[in-house]
Amino acid sequence: MSKTARNSLNSSQIKEISEFGTIISVDIHTIEINGGGSARCMLAEIYS
């Protein structure tokens, strides 16, 4: 997930997610601000 998304989670949410795996977050601030999307949009954008 993006660092922005990670920073929006509270400690309870982080603990619960961490029970299923390691949280990996990347700084894609420039894309989020200028592109109007986030990690999901970068990976799953569908153009028709």
PDB file of N, CA and C in Angstrom:
ATOM      1  N   MET A   1       0.827  -1.162   0.000  1.00  0.00           N
ATOM      2  CA  MET A   1       0.000   0.000   0.000  1.00  0.00           C
ATOM      3  C   MET A   1       0.874   1.228   0.000  1.00  0.00           C
ATOM      4  N   SER A   2       0.276   2.369  -0.316  1.00  0.00           N
ATOM      5  CA  SER A   2       1.056   3.601  -0.304  1.00  0.00           C
ATOM      6  C   SER A   2       1.343   4.033   1.130  1.00  0.00           C
ATOM      7  N   LYS A   3       2.355   4.832   1.270  1.00  0.00           N
ATOM      8  CA  LYS A   3       2.695   5.357   2.593  1.00  0.00           C
ATOM      9  C   LYS A   3       1.539   6.193   3.140  1.00  0.00           C
ATOM     10  N   THR A   4       0.834   6.902   2.258  1.00  0.00           N
ATOM     11  CA  THR A   4      -0.318   7.697   2.673  1.00  0.00           C
ATOM     12  C   THR A   4      -1.401   6.800   3.263  1.00  0.00           C
ATOM     13  N   ALA A   5      -1.669   5.683   2.592  1.00  0.00           N
ATOM     14  CA  ALA A   5      -2.661   4.728   3.097  1.00  0.00           C
ATOM     15  C   ALA A   5      -2.212   4.151   4.427  1.00  0.00           C
ATOM     16  N   ARG A   6      -0.952   3.793   4.526  1.00  0.00           N
ATOM     17  CA  ARG A   6      -0.408   3.227   5.773  1.00  0.00           C
ATOM     18  C   ARG A   6      -0.537   4.214   6.917  1.00  0.00           C
ATOM     19  N   ASN A   7      -0.277   5.475   6.643  1.00  0.00           N
ATOM     20  CA  ASN A   7      -0.363   6.493   7.683  1.00  0.00           C
ATOM     21  C   ASN A   7      -1.791   6.770   8.129  1.00  0.00           C
ATOM     22  N   SER A   8      -2.770   6.352   7.337  1.00  0.00           N
ATOM     23  CA  SER A   8      -4.163   6.584   7.710  1.00  0.00           C
ATOM     24  C   SER A   8      -4.708   5.504   8.643  1.00  0.00           C
ATOM     25  N   LEU A   9      -3.959   4.413   8.817  1.00  0.00           N
ATOM     26  CA  LEU A   9      -4.414   3.317   9.664  1.00  0.00           C
ATOM     27  C   LEU A   9      -4.116   3.598  11.138  1.00  0.00           C
ATOM     28  N   ASN A  10      -5.021   3.146  12.011  1.00  0.00           N
ATOM     29  CA  ASN A  10      -4.739   3.251  13.442  1.00  0.00           C
ATOM     30  C   ASN A  10      -4.025   1.974  13.893  1.00  0.00           C
ATOM     31  N   SER A  11      -3.552   1.965  15.111  1.00  0.00           N
ATOM     32  CA  SER A  11      -2.739   0.834  15.599  1.00  0.00           C
ATOM     33  C   SER A  11      -3.520  -0.474  15.612  1.00  0.00           C
ATOM     34  N   SER A  12      -4.814  -0.416  15.873  1.00  0.00           N
ATOM     35  CA  SER A  12      -5.640  -1.621  15.861  1.00  0.00           C
ATOM     36  C   SER A  12      -5.728  -2.213  14.457  1.00  0.00           C
ATOM     37  N   GLN A  13      -5.881  -1.361  13.462  1.00  0.00           N
ATOM     38  CA  GLN A  13      -5.954  -1.819  12.078  1.00  0.00           C
ATOM     39  C   GLN A  13      -4.619  -2.405  11.637  1.00  0.00           C
ATOM     40  N   ILE A  14      -3.532  -1.763  12.013  1.00  0.00           N
ATOM     41  CA  ILE A  14      -2.199  -2.258  11.665  1.00  0.00           C
ATOM     42  C   ILE A  14      -1.972  -3.629  12.285  1.00  0.00           C
ATOM     43  N   LYS A  15      -2.352  -3.784  13.528  1.00  0.00           N
ATOM     44  CA  LYS A  15      -2.184  -5.064  14.218  1.00  0.00           C
ATOM     45  C   LYS A  15      -2.979  -6.160  13.518  1.00  0.00           C
ATOM     46  N   GLU A  16      -4.223  -5.853  13.159  1.00  0.00           N
ATOM     47  CA  GLU A  16      -5.070  -6.854  12.511  1.00  0.00           C
ATOM     48  C   GLU A  16      -4.531  -7.243  11.136  1.00  0.00           C
ATOM     49  N   ILE A  17      -4.131  -6.284  10.346  1.00  0.00           N
ATOM     50  CA  ILE A  17      -3.577  -6.579   9.020  1.00  0.00           C
ATOM     51  C   ILE A  17      -2.280  -7.365   9.155  1.00  0.00           C
ATOM     52  N   SER A  18      -1.469  -7.025  10.126  1.00  0.00           N
ATOM     53  CA  SER A  18      -0.170  -7.669  10.316  1.00  0.00           C
ATOM     54  C   SER A  18      -0.294  -9.140  10.702  1.00  0.00           C
ATOM     55  N   GLU A  19      -1.466  -9.553  11.175  1.00  0.00           N
ATOM     56  CA  GLU A  19      -1.673 -10.964  11.497  1.00  0.00           C
ATOM     57  C   GLU A  19      -1.671 -11.826  10.232  1.00  0.00           C
ATOM     58  N   PHE A  20      -1.886 -11.214   9.082  1.00  0.00           N
ATOM     59  CA  PHE A  20      -1.970 -11.942   7.821  1.00  0.00           C
ATOM     60  C   PHE A  20      -0.726 -11.796   6.959  1.00  0.00           C
ATOM     61  N   GLY A  21       0.177 -10.899   7.337  1.00  0.00           N
ATOM     62  CA  GLY A  21       1.397 -10.716   6.563  1.00  0.00           C
ATOM     63  C   GLY A  21       2.091  -9.434   6.950  1.00  0.00           C
ATOM     64  N   THR A  22       3.176  -9.166   6.268  1.00  0.00           N
ATOM     65  CA  THR A  22       3.962  -7.964   6.518  1.00  0.00           C
ATOM     66  C   THR A  22       3.404  -6.810   5.692  1.00  0.00           C
ATOM     67  N   ILE A  23       3.210  -5.679   6.327  1.00  0.00           N
ATOM     68  CA  ILE A  23       2.754  -4.498   5.609  1.00  0.00           C
ATOM     69  C   ILE A  23       3.950  -3.870   4.901  1.00  0.00           C
ATOM     70  N   ILE A  24       3.817  -3.699   3.613  1.00  0.00           N
ATOM     71  CA  ILE A  24       4.846  -3.025   2.821  1.00  0.00           C
ATOM     72  C   ILE A  24       4.218  -1.757   2.271  1.00  0.00           C
ATOM     73  N   SER A  25       4.838  -0.631   2.563  1.00  0.00           N
ATOM     74  CA  SER A  25       4.300   0.635   2.064  1.00  0.00           C
ATOM     75  C   SER A  25       5.391   1.387   1.312  1.00  0.00           C
ATOM     76  N   VAL A  26       4.976   2.031   0.238  1.00  0.00           N
ATOM     77  CA  VAL A  26       5.906   2.776  -0.602  1.00  0.00           C
ATOM     78  C   VAL A  26       5.444   4.223  -0.728  1.00  0.00           C
ATOM     79  N   ASP A  27       6.408   5.106  -0.864  1.00  0.00           N
ATOM     80  CA  ASP A  27       6.105   6.523  -0.996  1.00  0.00           C
ATOM     81  C   ASP A  27       5.821   6.844  -2.465  1.00  0.00           C
ATOM     82  N   ILE A  28       4.547   7.005  -2.791  1.00  0.00           N
ATOM     83  CA  ILE A  28       4.155   7.378  -4.146  1.00  0.00           C
ATOM     84  C   ILE A  28       3.374   8.697  -4.105  1.00  0.00           C
ATOM     85  N   HIS A  29       3.809   9.574  -3.231  1.00  0.00           N
ATOM     86  CA  HIS A  29       3.141  10.851  -3.009  1.00  0.00           C
ATOM     87  C   HIS A  29       2.973  11.646  -4.307  1.00  0.00           C
ATOM     88  N   THR A  30       4.003  11.693  -5.127  1.00  0.00           N
ATOM     89  CA  THR A  30       3.940  12.454  -6.377  1.00  0.00           C
ATOM     90  C   THR A  30       2.830  11.914  -7.282  1.00  0.00           C
ATOM     91  N   ILE A  31       2.720  10.610  -7.382  1.00  0.00           N
ATOM     92  CA  ILE A  31       1.680  10.004  -8.215  1.00  0.00           C
ATOM     93  C   ILE A  31       0.302  10.274  -7.617  1.00  0.00           C
ATOM     94  N   GLU A  32       0.182  10.154  -6.315  1.00  0.00           N
ATOM     95  CA  GLU A  32      -1.109  10.399  -5.661  1.00  0.00           C
ATOM     96  C   GLU A  32      -1.566  11.843  -5.847  1.00  0.00           C
ATOM     97  N   ILE A  33      -0.650  12.784  -5.759  1.00  0.00           N
ATOM     98  CA  ILE A  33      -1.003  14.195  -5.877  1.00  0.00           C
ATOM     99  C   ILE A  33      -1.254  14.596  -7.328  1.00  0.00           C
ATOM    100  N   ASN A  34      -0.372  14.209  -8.240  1.00  0.00           N
ATOM    101  CA  ASN A  34      -0.467  14.652  -9.636  1.00  0.00           C
ATOM    102  C   ASN A  34      -1.304  13.738 -10.523  1.00  0.00           C
ATOM    103  N   GLY A  35      -1.356  12.470 -10.172  1.00  0.00           N
ATOM    104  CA  GLY A  35      -2.077  11.518 -11.016  1.00  0.00           C
ATOM    105  C   GLY A  35      -3.503  11.271 -10.578  1.00  0.00           C
ATOM    106  N   GLY A  36      -3.821  11.654  -9.360  1.00  0.00           N
ATOM    107  CA  GLY A  36      -5.178  11.480  -8.873  1.00  0.00           C
ATOM    108  C   GLY A  36      -5.529  10.071  -8.468  1.00  0.00           C
ATOM    109  N   GLY A  37      -4.559   9.212  -8.284  1.00  0.00           N
ATOM    110  CA  GLY A  37      -4.828   7.835  -7.886  1.00  0.00           C
ATOM    111  C   GLY A  37      -3.807   7.354  -6.893  1.00  0.00           C
ATOM    112  N   SER A  38      -3.828   6.049  -6.649  1.00  0.00           N
ATOM    113  CA  SER A  38      -2.881   5.474  -5.710  1.00  0.00           C
ATOM    114  C   SER A  38      -2.389   4.139  -6.263  1.00  0.00           C
ATOM    115  N   ALA A  39      -1.854   3.287  -5.392  1.00  0.00           N
ATOM    116  CA  ALA A  39      -1.243   2.027  -5.822  1.00  0.00           C
ATOM    117  C   ALA A  39      -2.239   1.150  -6.578  1.00  0.00           C
ATOM    118  N   ARG A  40      -3.457   1.059  -6.096  1.00  0.00           N
ATOM    119  CA  ARG A  40      -4.462   0.229  -6.763  1.00  0.00           C
ATOM    120  C   ARG A  40      -4.684   0.721  -8.189  1.00  0.00           C
ATOM    121  N   CYS A  41      -4.784   2.017  -8.359  1.00  0.00           N
ATOM    122  CA  CYS A  41      -5.002   2.593  -9.690  1.00  0.00           C
ATOM    123  C   CYS A  41      -3.814   2.316 -10.612  1.00  0.00           C
ATOM    124  N   MET A  42      -2.614   2.313 -10.050  1.00  0.00           N
ATOM    125  CA  MET A  42      -1.423   2.062 -10.857  1.00  0.00           C
ATOM    126  C   MET A  42      -1.403   0.636 -11.359  1.00  0.00           C
ATOM    127  N   LEU A  43      -1.928  -0.306 -10.578  1.00  0.00           N
ATOM    128  CA  LEU A  43      -1.850  -1.726 -10.928  1.00  0.00           C
ATOM    129  C   LEU A  43      -3.073  -2.245 -11.662  1.00  0.00           C
ATOM    130  N   ALA A  44      -4.226  -1.681 -11.413  1.00  0.00           N
ATOM    131  CA  ALA A  44      -5.459  -2.267 -11.928  1.00  0.00           C
ATOM    132  C   ALA A  44      -6.274  -1.320 -12.800  1.00  0.00           C
ATOM    133  N   GLU A  45      -5.638  -0.343 -13.373  1.00  0.00           N
ATOM    134  CA  GLU A  45      -6.381   0.594 -14.240  1.00  0.00           C
ATOM    135  C   GLU A  45      -6.821  -0.153 -15.495  1.00  0.00           C
ATOM    136  N   ILE A  46      -8.089  -0.006 -15.826  1.00  0.00           N
ATOM    137  CA  ILE A  46      -8.637  -0.669 -17.008  1.00  0.00           C
ATOM    138  C   ILE A  46      -9.116   0.404 -17.963  1.00  0.00           C
ATOM    139  N   TYR A  47      -8.602   0.378 -19.173  1.00  0.00           N
ATOM    140  CA  TYR A  47      -9.001   1.340 -20.193  1.00  0.00           C
ATOM    141  C   TYR A  47      -9.862   0.607 -21.224  1.00  0.00           C
ATOM    142  N   SER A  48     -10.971   1.182 -21.565  1.00  0.00           N
ATOM    143  CA  SER A  48     -11.821   0.523 -22.579  1.00  0.00           C
ATOM    144  C   SER A  48     -12.022   1.409 -23.776  1.00  0.00           C
TER     145      SER A  48
END
